[in-house]
């Protein structure tokens, strides 16, 4: 059996009784960073010293088949450095291989940076989407954000401190400076901070430098914004299929009632970002 176990995202006091028992009884643990797992065992006062196998983004696809076969014989506990394995962390190829191979997978639930950030953001929680990390390259990031600009769900992103200001600036350019958002930093830790405001305001704040583990939570598009994003996608699709850009803009503007000038400028900006 494969056991996916959520670990604390900052505060060791959030380790569940089930996690402690699993660590105490485990004979084999596959973990994102074995050094982090050793510190977790020590921090929780766990005397057990299981066999540790590294399972990270660089080897998980190669290791998956081997670990699935191992899990046929003995329980395999799977950990990421923080939070739930497979959620923007190693583990998905292993679970997919286990499901295909008929090996049982179960879970020990627990802390999650995604839902923790969502809960404290002050933004709607009824519908949301987790988007992980934005692409590093500006063109790829612009294309991803153009696809998301009209999404009416609350969006949650992970981000590193060195890239936060650039990502918030790109979000403000794609979604509008006034789109409500929250930057959630060092959740559950001593220096936890939640900064709320418009994307433009948050980008200016982040330009001064921000440290720690970070989640960005962004409010969904208003209905009018969603219509504009859908219309822009249609313009770009028509232009991509061979229609002249001006003709595509005129056609979609007539269908949607949106100003041709705004659509044309948005299409040029999207093309430039690509």
C-alpha atoms as a PDB file:
ATOM      1  CA  UNK A   1       0.000   0.000   0.000  1.00  0.00           C
ATOM      2  CA  UNK A   2       1.089   3.575  -0.684  1.00  0.00           C
ATOM      3  CA  UNK A   3       0.249   6.092   2.043  1.00  0.00           C
ATOM      4  CA  UNK A   4       0.321   9.785   1.064  1.00  0.00           C
ATOM      5  CA  UNK A   5       0.807  11.856   4.212  1.00  0.00           C
ATOM      6  CA  UNK A   6       0.439  15.618   4.590  1.00  0.00           C
ATOM      7  CA  UNK A   7       3.161  17.259   6.678  1.00  0.00           C
ATOM      8  CA  UNK A   8       3.097  20.653   8.448  1.00  0.00           C
ATOM      9  CA  UNK A   9       3.563  23.681   6.193  1.00  0.00           C
ATOM     10  CA  UNK A  10       5.384  25.566   8.931  1.00  0.00           C
ATOM     11  CA  UNK A  11       4.196  24.847  12.448  1.00  0.00           C
ATOM     12  CA  UNK A  12       5.104  21.382  13.750  1.00  0.00           C
ATOM     13  CA  UNK A  13       2.127  21.602  16.096  1.00  0.00           C
ATOM     14  CA  UNK A  14      -0.067  20.917  13.059  1.00  0.00           C
ATOM     15  CA  UNK A  15       1.284  17.365  12.709  1.00  0.00           C
ATOM     16  CA  UNK A  16      -1.686  15.049  13.149  1.00  0.00           C
ATOM     17  CA  UNK A  17      -1.831  12.055  15.468  1.00  0.00           C
ATOM     18  CA  UNK A  18      -2.130   9.827  12.399  1.00  0.00           C
ATOM     19  CA  UNK A  19       1.008  11.330  10.853  1.00  0.00           C
ATOM     20  CA  UNK A  20       2.950  10.781  14.069  1.00  0.00           C
ATOM     21  CA  UNK A  21       1.785   7.161  14.249  1.00  0.00           C
ATOM     22  CA  UNK A  22       2.646   6.568  10.593  1.00  0.00           C
ATOM     23  CA  UNK A  23       6.157   7.967  11.071  1.00  0.00           C
ATOM     24  CA  UNK A  24       6.651   5.896  14.216  1.00  0.00           C
ATOM     25  CA  UNK A  25       5.613   2.672  12.482  1.00  0.00           C
ATOM     26  CA  UNK A  26       7.009   3.205   8.977  1.00  0.00           C
ATOM     27  CA  UNK A  27       9.713   0.887   7.673  1.00  0.00           C
ATOM     28  CA  UNK A  28      10.179   2.705   4.325  1.00  0.00           C
ATOM     29  CA  UNK A  29       9.566   6.382   3.559  1.00  0.00           C
ATOM     30  CA  UNK A  30       9.814   7.989   0.122  1.00  0.00           C
ATOM     31  CA  UNK A  31      10.317  11.713   0.624  1.00  0.00           C
ATOM     32  CA  UNK A  32      11.045  14.831  -1.403  1.00  0.00           C
ATOM     33  CA  UNK A  33      14.182  15.614   0.631  1.00  0.00           C
ATOM     34  CA  UNK A  34      15.418  12.977   3.060  1.00  0.00           C
ATOM     35  CA  UNK A  35      17.206  15.645   5.133  1.00  0.00           C
ATOM     36  CA  UNK A  36      13.912  17.459   5.693  1.00  0.00           C
ATOM     37  CA  UNK A  37      12.327  14.158   6.742  1.00  0.00           C
ATOM     38  CA  UNK A  38      15.123  13.532   9.227  1.00  0.00           C
ATOM     39  CA  UNK A  39      14.524  16.978  10.723  1.00  0.00           C
ATOM     40  CA  UNK A  40      10.795  16.269  10.884  1.00  0.00           C
ATOM     41  CA  UNK A  41      11.390  13.010  12.760  1.00  0.00           C
ATOM     42  CA  UNK A  42      13.688  14.768  15.192  1.00  0.00           C
ATOM     43  CA  UNK A  43      11.360  17.741  15.627  1.00  0.00           C
ATOM     44  CA  UNK A  44       8.416  15.482  16.434  1.00  0.00           C
ATOM     45  CA  UNK A  45      10.490  13.348  18.786  1.00  0.00           C
ATOM     46  CA  UNK A  46      10.008  10.214  16.664  1.00  0.00           C
ATOM     47  CA  UNK A  47      12.568   7.564  17.657  1.00  0.00           C
ATOM     48  CA  UNK A  48      11.916   5.372  14.596  1.00  0.00           C
ATOM     49  CA  UNK A  49      14.509   5.558  11.829  1.00  0.00           C
ATOM     50  CA  UNK A  50      12.915   4.104   8.685  1.00  0.00           C
ATOM     51  CA  UNK A  51      14.705   3.508   5.410  1.00  0.00           C
ATOM     52  CA  UNK A  52      14.541   6.783   3.461  1.00  0.00           C
ATOM     53  CA  UNK A  53      14.268   6.929  -0.330  1.00  0.00           C
ATOM     54  CA  UNK A  54      14.554  10.244  -2.187  1.00  0.00           C
ATOM     55  CA  UNK A  55      11.560  10.937  -4.434  1.00  0.00           C
ATOM     56  CA  UNK A  56      11.783  14.314  -6.131  1.00  0.00           C
ATOM     57  CA  UNK A  57      11.006  16.037  -9.444  1.00  0.00           C
ATOM     58  CA  UNK A  58      14.231  14.827 -11.047  1.00  0.00           C
ATOM     59  CA  UNK A  59      13.788  11.103 -10.390  1.00  0.00           C
ATOM     60  CA  UNK A  60      10.122  10.399  -9.646  1.00  0.00           C
ATOM     61  CA  UNK A  61       9.208   9.138 -13.123  1.00  0.00           C
ATOM     62  CA  UNK A  62      12.159   6.753 -13.132  1.00  0.00           C
ATOM     63  CA  UNK A  63      11.463   5.613  -9.547  1.00  0.00           C
ATOM     64  CA  UNK A  64       7.695   5.148  -9.876  1.00  0.00           C
ATOM     65  CA  UNK A  65       7.662   1.564 -11.189  1.00  0.00           C
ATOM     66  CA  UNK A  66      10.254   0.421  -8.637  1.00  0.00           C
ATOM     67  CA  UNK A  67       8.345   1.974  -5.731  1.00  0.00           C
ATOM     68  CA  UNK A  68       5.032   0.531  -6.885  1.00  0.00           C
ATOM     69  CA  UNK A  69       6.545  -2.961  -6.818  1.00  0.00           C
ATOM     70  CA  UNK A  70       7.986  -2.233  -3.382  1.00  0.00           C
ATOM     71  CA  UNK A  71       4.536  -1.144  -2.180  1.00  0.00           C
ATOM     72  CA  UNK A  72       3.102  -4.541  -3.190  1.00  0.00           C
ATOM     73  CA  UNK A  73       5.209  -6.100  -0.425  1.00  0.00           C
ATOM     74  CA  UNK A  74       5.162  -3.458   2.319  1.00  0.00           C
ATOM     75  CA  UNK A  75       3.503  -0.155   3.177  1.00  0.00           C
ATOM     76  CA  UNK A  76       5.288   2.821   1.613  1.00  0.00           C
ATOM     77  CA  UNK A  77       4.861   6.176   3.341  1.00  0.00           C
ATOM     78  CA  UNK A  78       5.204   9.137   0.920  1.00  0.00           C
ATOM     79  CA  UNK A  79       6.016  12.651   2.134  1.00  0.00           C
ATOM     80  CA  UNK A  80       6.738  16.018   0.546  1.00  0.00           C
ATOM     81  CA  UNK A  81       8.726  18.700   2.340  1.00  0.00           C
ATOM     82  CA  UNK A  82       5.517  20.473   3.367  1.00  0.00           C
ATOM     83  CA  UNK A  83       1.821  19.903   2.711  1.00  0.00           C
ATOM     84  CA  UNK A  84       0.269  17.161   0.620  1.00  0.00           C
ATOM     85  CA  UNK A  85       2.357  15.073  -1.808  1.00  0.00           C
ATOM     86  CA  UNK A  86       1.274  15.380  -5.487  1.00  0.00           C
ATOM     87  CA  UNK A  87      -0.046  18.968  -5.030  1.00  0.00           C
ATOM     88  CA  UNK A  88       2.688  20.978  -6.790  1.00  0.00           C
ATOM     89  CA  UNK A  89       5.039  18.475  -5.160  1.00  0.00           C
ATOM     90  CA  UNK A  90       6.371  15.023  -6.112  1.00  0.00           C
ATOM     91  CA  UNK A  91       4.032  12.038  -6.040  1.00  0.00           C
ATOM     92  CA  UNK A  92       1.664  12.214  -9.004  1.00  0.00           C
ATOM     93  CA  UNK A  93       3.601   9.811 -11.304  1.00  0.00           C
ATOM     94  CA  UNK A  94       3.812   7.350  -8.413  1.00  0.00           C
ATOM     95  CA  UNK A  95       0.073   7.495  -7.721  1.00  0.00           C
ATOM     96  CA  UNK A  96      -0.727   7.174 -11.439  1.00  0.00           C
ATOM     97  CA  UNK A  97       1.565   4.130 -11.710  1.00  0.00           C
ATOM     98  CA  UNK A  98       0.024   2.597  -8.584  1.00  0.00           C
ATOM     99  CA  UNK A  99      -3.507   3.090  -9.912  1.00  0.00           C
ATOM    100  CA  UNK A 100      -2.527   1.499 -13.234  1.00  0.00           C
ATOM    101  CA  UNK A 101      -0.794  -1.373 -11.437  1.00  0.00           C
ATOM    102  CA  UNK A 102      -3.614  -2.126  -9.034  1.00  0.00           C
ATOM    103  CA  UNK A 103      -1.725  -1.049  -5.894  1.00  0.00           C
ATOM    104  CA  UNK A 104      -3.863   0.537  -3.188  1.00  0.00           C
ATOM    105  CA  UNK A 105      -3.281   4.223  -2.382  1.00  0.00           C
ATOM    106  CA  UNK A 106      -4.598   5.882   0.754  1.00  0.00           C
ATOM    107  CA  UNK A 107      -4.058   9.249   2.389  1.00  0.00           C
ATOM    108  CA  UNK A 108      -3.398  10.858   5.747  1.00  0.00           C
ATOM    109  CA  UNK A 109      -4.869  14.332   5.217  1.00  0.00           C
ATOM    110  CA  UNK A 110      -3.553  17.443   6.864  1.00  0.00           C
ATOM    111  CA  UNK A 111      -2.156  20.934   6.238  1.00  0.00           C
ATOM    112  CA  UNK A 112      -2.416  22.496   2.785  1.00  0.00           C
ATOM    113  CA  UNK A 113      -0.980  25.880   1.843  1.00  0.00           C
ATOM    114  CA  UNK A 114      -3.583  26.187  -0.938  1.00  0.00           C
ATOM    115  CA  UNK A 115      -6.710  26.008   1.222  1.00  0.00           C
ATOM    116  CA  UNK A 116      -5.036  27.824   4.123  1.00  0.00           C
ATOM    117  CA  UNK A 117      -4.241  30.808   1.895  1.00  0.00           C
ATOM    118  CA  UNK A 118      -7.707  30.698   0.358  1.00  0.00           C
ATOM    119  CA  UNK A 119      -9.341  30.685   3.784  1.00  0.00           C
ATOM    120  CA  UNK A 120      -7.476  33.750   5.097  1.00  0.00           C
ATOM    121  CA  UNK A 121      -7.474  35.740   1.843  1.00  0.00           C
ATOM    122  CA  UNK A 122     -10.880  37.333   2.347  1.00  0.00           C
ATOM    123  CA  UNK A 123     -11.779  36.405  -1.234  1.00  0.00           C
ATOM    124  CA  UNK A 124     -14.659  34.148  -2.374  1.00  0.00           C
ATOM    125  CA  UNK A 125     -14.112  30.473  -1.517  1.00  0.00           C
ATOM    126  CA  UNK A 126     -17.152  28.871  -3.162  1.00  0.00           C
ATOM    127  CA  UNK A 127     -15.336  28.309  -6.480  1.00  0.00           C
ATOM    128  CA  UNK A 128     -11.571  28.349  -6.860  1.00  0.00           C
ATOM    129  CA  UNK A 129      -8.745  26.928  -8.954  1.00  0.00           C
ATOM    130  CA  UNK A 130      -5.166  26.135  -7.993  1.00  0.00           C
ATOM    131  CA  UNK A 131      -2.693  27.149 -10.723  1.00  0.00           C
ATOM    132  CA  UNK A 132       0.619  26.220  -9.077  1.00  0.00           C
ATOM    133  CA  UNK A 133       3.653  28.272 -10.136  1.00  0.00           C
ATOM    134  CA  UNK A 134       3.414  30.680 -13.069  1.00  0.00           C
ATOM    135  CA  UNK A 135       5.876  30.066 -15.954  1.00  0.00           C
ATOM    136  CA  UNK A 136       9.279  31.695 -15.515  1.00  0.00           C
ATOM    137  CA  UNK A 137       9.529  32.970 -19.096  1.00  0.00           C
ATOM    138  CA  UNK A 138       7.658  36.230 -19.710  1.00  0.00           C
ATOM    139  CA  UNK A 139       6.018  35.084 -22.959  1.00  0.00           C
ATOM    140  CA  UNK A 140       4.732  31.822 -21.503  1.00  0.00           C
ATOM    141  CA  UNK A 141       3.531  33.649 -18.394  1.00  0.00           C
ATOM    142  CA  UNK A 142       1.650  36.210 -20.499  1.00  0.00           C
ATOM    143  CA  UNK A 143      -0.072  33.476 -22.479  1.00  0.00           C
ATOM    144  CA  UNK A 144      -1.100  31.638 -19.312  1.00  0.00           C
ATOM    145  CA  UNK A 145      -2.491  34.806 -17.728  1.00  0.00           C
ATOM    146  CA  UNK A 146      -4.354  35.746 -20.927  1.00  0.00           C
ATOM    147  CA  UNK A 147      -6.116  32.366 -20.690  1.00  0.00           C
ATOM    148  CA  UNK A 148      -7.015  33.017 -17.043  1.00  0.00           C
ATOM    149  CA  UNK A 149      -7.997  36.690 -17.273  1.00  0.00           C
ATOM    150  CA  UNK A 150     -11.672  35.911 -17.742  1.00  0.00           C
ATOM    151  CA  UNK A 151     -11.887  33.092 -15.186  1.00  0.00           C
ATOM    152  CA  UNK A 152     -14.547  33.983 -12.613  1.00  0.00           C
ATOM    153  CA  UNK A 153     -13.173  31.627  -9.969  1.00  0.00           C
ATOM    154  CA  UNK A 154     -10.768  32.717  -7.235  1.00  0.00           C
ATOM    155  CA  UNK A 155      -7.250  31.707  -8.334  1.00  0.00           C
ATOM    156  CA  UNK A 156      -4.439  30.466  -6.087  1.00  0.00           C
ATOM    157  CA  UNK A 157      -0.772  30.517  -7.139  1.00  0.00           C
ATOM    158  CA  UNK A 158       2.487  29.495  -5.471  1.00  0.00           C
ATOM    159  CA  UNK A 159       5.413  31.868  -5.884  1.00  0.00           C
ATOM    160  CA  UNK A 160       8.988  32.320  -4.699  1.00  0.00           C
ATOM    161  CA  UNK A 161      10.116  35.553  -3.029  1.00  0.00           C
ATOM    162  CA  UNK A 162      12.555  36.493  -5.804  1.00  0.00           C
ATOM    163  CA  UNK A 163       9.818  36.309  -8.451  1.00  0.00           C
ATOM    164  CA  UNK A 164       6.899  37.753  -6.470  1.00  0.00           C
ATOM    165  CA  UNK A 165       7.141  41.357  -7.694  1.00  0.00           C
ATOM    166  CA  UNK A 166       7.442  40.299 -11.353  1.00  0.00           C
ATOM    167  CA  UNK A 167       4.509  37.905 -11.064  1.00  0.00           C
ATOM    168  CA  UNK A 168       2.281  40.468  -9.363  1.00  0.00           C
ATOM    169  CA  UNK A 169       3.182  43.024 -12.040  1.00  0.00           C
ATOM    170  CA  UNK A 170       2.305  40.516 -14.773  1.00  0.00           C
ATOM    171  CA  UNK A 171      -0.962  39.678 -13.004  1.00  0.00           C
ATOM    172  CA  UNK A 172      -1.835  43.375 -12.755  1.00  0.00           C
ATOM    173  CA  UNK A 173      -1.126  43.883 -16.449  1.00  0.00           C
ATOM    174  CA  UNK A 174      -3.243  40.890 -17.443  1.00  0.00           C
ATOM    175  CA  UNK A 175      -6.106  41.190 -14.931  1.00  0.00           C
ATOM    176  CA  UNK A 176      -6.119  44.922 -14.144  1.00  0.00           C
ATOM    177  CA  UNK A 177      -4.462  46.833 -11.312  1.00  0.00           C
ATOM    178  CA  UNK A 178      -7.671  46.961  -9.258  1.00  0.00           C
ATOM    179  CA  UNK A 179      -8.368  43.197  -9.265  1.00  0.00           C
ATOM    180  CA  UNK A 180      -8.540  42.218  -5.552  1.00  0.00           C
ATOM    181  CA  UNK A 181      -5.860  39.875  -4.322  1.00  0.00           C
ATOM    182  CA  UNK A 182      -3.967  38.723  -1.252  1.00  0.00           C
ATOM    183  CA  UNK A 183      -0.338  37.745  -0.729  1.00  0.00           C
ATOM    184  CA  UNK A 184      -0.101  35.139   2.031  1.00  0.00           C
ATOM    185  CA  UNK A 185       3.409  34.763   3.419  1.00  0.00           C
ATOM    186  CA  UNK A 186       4.933  32.295   5.898  1.00  0.00           C
ATOM    187  CA  UNK A 187       1.563  30.710   6.711  1.00  0.00           C
ATOM    188  CA  UNK A 188       1.375  29.080  10.181  1.00  0.00           C
ATOM    189  CA  UNK A 189       4.895  30.331  10.988  1.00  0.00           C
ATOM    190  CA  UNK A 190       6.061  32.965  13.467  1.00  0.00           C
ATOM    191  CA  UNK A 191       6.147  35.766  10.889  1.00  0.00           C
ATOM    192  CA  UNK A 192       2.882  34.918   9.108  1.00  0.00           C
ATOM    193  CA  UNK A 193       1.541  37.840   7.088  1.00  0.00           C
ATOM    194  CA  UNK A 194      -1.474  38.365   4.841  1.00  0.00           C
ATOM    195  CA  UNK A 195      -1.341  41.479   2.655  1.00  0.00           C
ATOM    196  CA  UNK A 196      -4.575  42.382   0.845  1.00  0.00           C
ATOM    197  CA  UNK A 197      -5.248  44.952  -1.873  1.00  0.00           C
ATOM    198  CA  UNK A 198      -5.438  45.504  -5.606  1.00  0.00           C
ATOM    199  CA  UNK A 199      -2.863  43.756  -7.788  1.00  0.00           C
ATOM    200  CA  UNK A 200      -1.199  47.055  -8.708  1.00  0.00           C
ATOM    201  CA  UNK A 201      -0.869  48.082  -5.063  1.00  0.00           C
ATOM    202  CA  UNK A 202       0.529  44.679  -4.112  1.00  0.00           C
ATOM    203  CA  UNK A 203       3.042  44.784  -6.972  1.00  0.00           C
ATOM    204  CA  UNK A 204       4.353  48.134  -5.697  1.00  0.00           C
ATOM    205  CA  UNK A 205       4.630  46.734  -2.165  1.00  0.00           C
ATOM    206  CA  UNK A 206       6.464  43.598  -3.337  1.00  0.00           C
ATOM    207  CA  UNK A 207       9.002  45.658  -5.291  1.00  0.00           C
ATOM    208  CA  UNK A 208      10.661  46.453  -1.962  1.00  0.00           C
ATOM    209  CA  UNK A 209      11.484  42.786  -1.421  1.00  0.00           C
ATOM    210  CA  UNK A 210       9.541  40.042   0.347  1.00  0.00           C
ATOM    211  CA  UNK A 211      10.841  36.919   2.049  1.00  0.00           C
ATOM    212  CA  UNK A 212       9.420  33.512   2.850  1.00  0.00           C
ATOM    213  CA  UNK A 213       7.079  30.916   1.387  1.00  0.00           C
ATOM    214  CA  UNK A 214       4.310  32.664  -0.567  1.00  0.00           C
ATOM    215  CA  UNK A 215       0.825  32.051  -1.935  1.00  0.00           C
ATOM    216  CA  UNK A 216      -0.958  34.577  -4.143  1.00  0.00           C
ATOM    217  CA  UNK A 217      -4.761  34.531  -4.084  1.00  0.00           C
ATOM    218  CA  UNK A 218      -6.564  36.529  -6.792  1.00  0.00           C
ATOM    219  CA  UNK A 219     -10.257  37.305  -7.039  1.00  0.00           C
ATOM    220  CA  UNK A 220     -12.155  36.080 -10.097  1.00  0.00           C
ATOM    221  CA  UNK A 221     -13.050  38.231 -13.064  1.00  0.00           C
ATOM    222  CA  UNK A 222     -16.228  40.258 -13.092  1.00  0.00           C
ATOM    223  CA  UNK A 223     -18.768  39.226 -15.729  1.00  0.00           C
ATOM    224  CA  UNK A 224     -17.751  42.028 -18.093  1.00  0.00           C
ATOM    225  CA  UNK A 225     -14.083  41.066 -17.788  1.00  0.00           C
ATOM    226  CA  UNK A 226     -14.951  37.453 -18.529  1.00  0.00           C
ATOM    227  CA  UNK A 227     -16.782  38.501 -21.693  1.00  0.00           C
ATOM    228  CA  UNK A 228     -13.798  40.607 -22.793  1.00  0.00           C
ATOM    229  CA  UNK A 229     -11.371  37.740 -22.216  1.00  0.00           C
ATOM    230  CA  UNK A 230     -13.563  35.332 -24.177  1.00  0.00           C
ATOM    231  CA  UNK A 231     -13.813  37.821 -27.028  1.00  0.00           C
ATOM    232  CA  UNK A 232     -10.040  38.299 -27.073  1.00  0.00           C
ATOM    233  CA  UNK A 233      -9.531  34.529 -27.268  1.00  0.00           C
ATOM    234  CA  UNK A 234     -11.911  34.419 -30.263  1.00  0.00           C
ATOM    235  CA  UNK A 235     -10.048  37.253 -32.010  1.00  0.00           C
ATOM    236  CA  UNK A 236      -6.723  35.488 -31.542  1.00  0.00           C
ATOM    237  CA  UNK A 237      -8.162  32.178 -32.716  1.00  0.00           C
ATOM    238  CA  UNK A 238      -9.554  33.762 -35.874  1.00  0.00           C
ATOM    239  CA  UNK A 239      -6.275  35.554 -36.552  1.00  0.00           C
ATOM    240  CA  UNK A 240      -4.388  32.335 -35.946  1.00  0.00           C
ATOM    241  CA  UNK A 241      -6.484  30.558 -38.559  1.00  0.00           C
ATOM    242  CA  UNK A 242      -5.628  33.134 -41.233  1.00  0.00           C
ATOM    243  CA  UNK A 243      -8.154  35.947 -40.786  1.00  0.00           C
ATOM    244  CA  UNK A 244      -6.650  39.420 -40.895  1.00  0.00           C
ATOM    245  CA  UNK A 245      -6.414  40.837 -37.369  1.00  0.00           C
ATOM    246  CA  UNK A 246      -8.485  43.918 -38.207  1.00  0.00           C
ATOM    247  CA  UNK A 247     -11.185  41.755 -39.784  1.00  0.00           C
ATOM    248  CA  UNK A 248     -11.207  39.411 -36.793  1.00  0.00           C
ATOM    249  CA  UNK A 249     -11.541  42.362 -34.426  1.00  0.00           C
ATOM    250  CA  UNK A 250     -14.396  43.865 -36.451  1.00  0.00           C
ATOM    251  CA  UNK A 251     -16.267  40.542 -36.512  1.00  0.00           C
ATOM    252  CA  UNK A 252     -15.919  39.865 -32.775  1.00  0.00           C
ATOM    253  CA  UNK A 253     -16.659  43.473 -31.821  1.00  0.00           C
ATOM    254  CA  UNK A 254     -19.879  43.224 -33.781  1.00  0.00           C
ATOM    255  CA  UNK A 255     -20.813  40.005 -31.985  1.00  0.00           C
ATOM    256  CA  UNK A 256     -19.904  41.148 -28.474  1.00  0.00           C
ATOM    257  CA  UNK A 257     -20.596  44.865 -28.532  1.00  0.00           C
ATOM    258  CA  UNK A 258     -17.096  45.568 -27.205  1.00  0.00           C
ATOM    259  CA  UNK A 259     -15.183  48.567 -28.617  1.00  0.00           C
ATOM    260  CA  UNK A 260     -13.042  47.644 -31.621  1.00  0.00           C
ATOM    261  CA  UNK A 261     -10.147  49.811 -30.430  1.00  0.00           C
ATOM    262  CA  UNK A 262      -9.946  48.025 -27.057  1.00  0.00           C
ATOM    263  CA  UNK A 263     -10.092  44.590 -28.684  1.00  0.00           C
ATOM    264  CA  UNK A 264      -7.459  45.513 -31.248  1.00  0.00           C
ATOM    265  CA  UNK A 265      -5.045  46.888 -28.629  1.00  0.00           C
ATOM    266  CA  UNK A 266      -5.592  43.834 -26.400  1.00  0.00           C
ATOM    267  CA  UNK A 267      -4.886  41.511 -29.336  1.00  0.00           C
ATOM    268  CA  UNK A 268      -1.664  43.375 -30.201  1.00  0.00           C
ATOM    269  CA  UNK A 269      -0.550  43.192 -26.556  1.00  0.00           C
ATOM    270  CA  UNK A 270      -1.297  39.461 -26.438  1.00  0.00           C
ATOM    271  CA  UNK A 271       0.666  38.878 -29.634  1.00  0.00           C
ATOM    272  CA  UNK A 272       3.590  40.887 -28.292  1.00  0.00           C
ATOM    273  CA  UNK A 273       3.570  38.846 -25.070  1.00  0.00           C
ATOM    274  CA  UNK A 274       3.610  35.633 -27.096  1.00  0.00           C
END
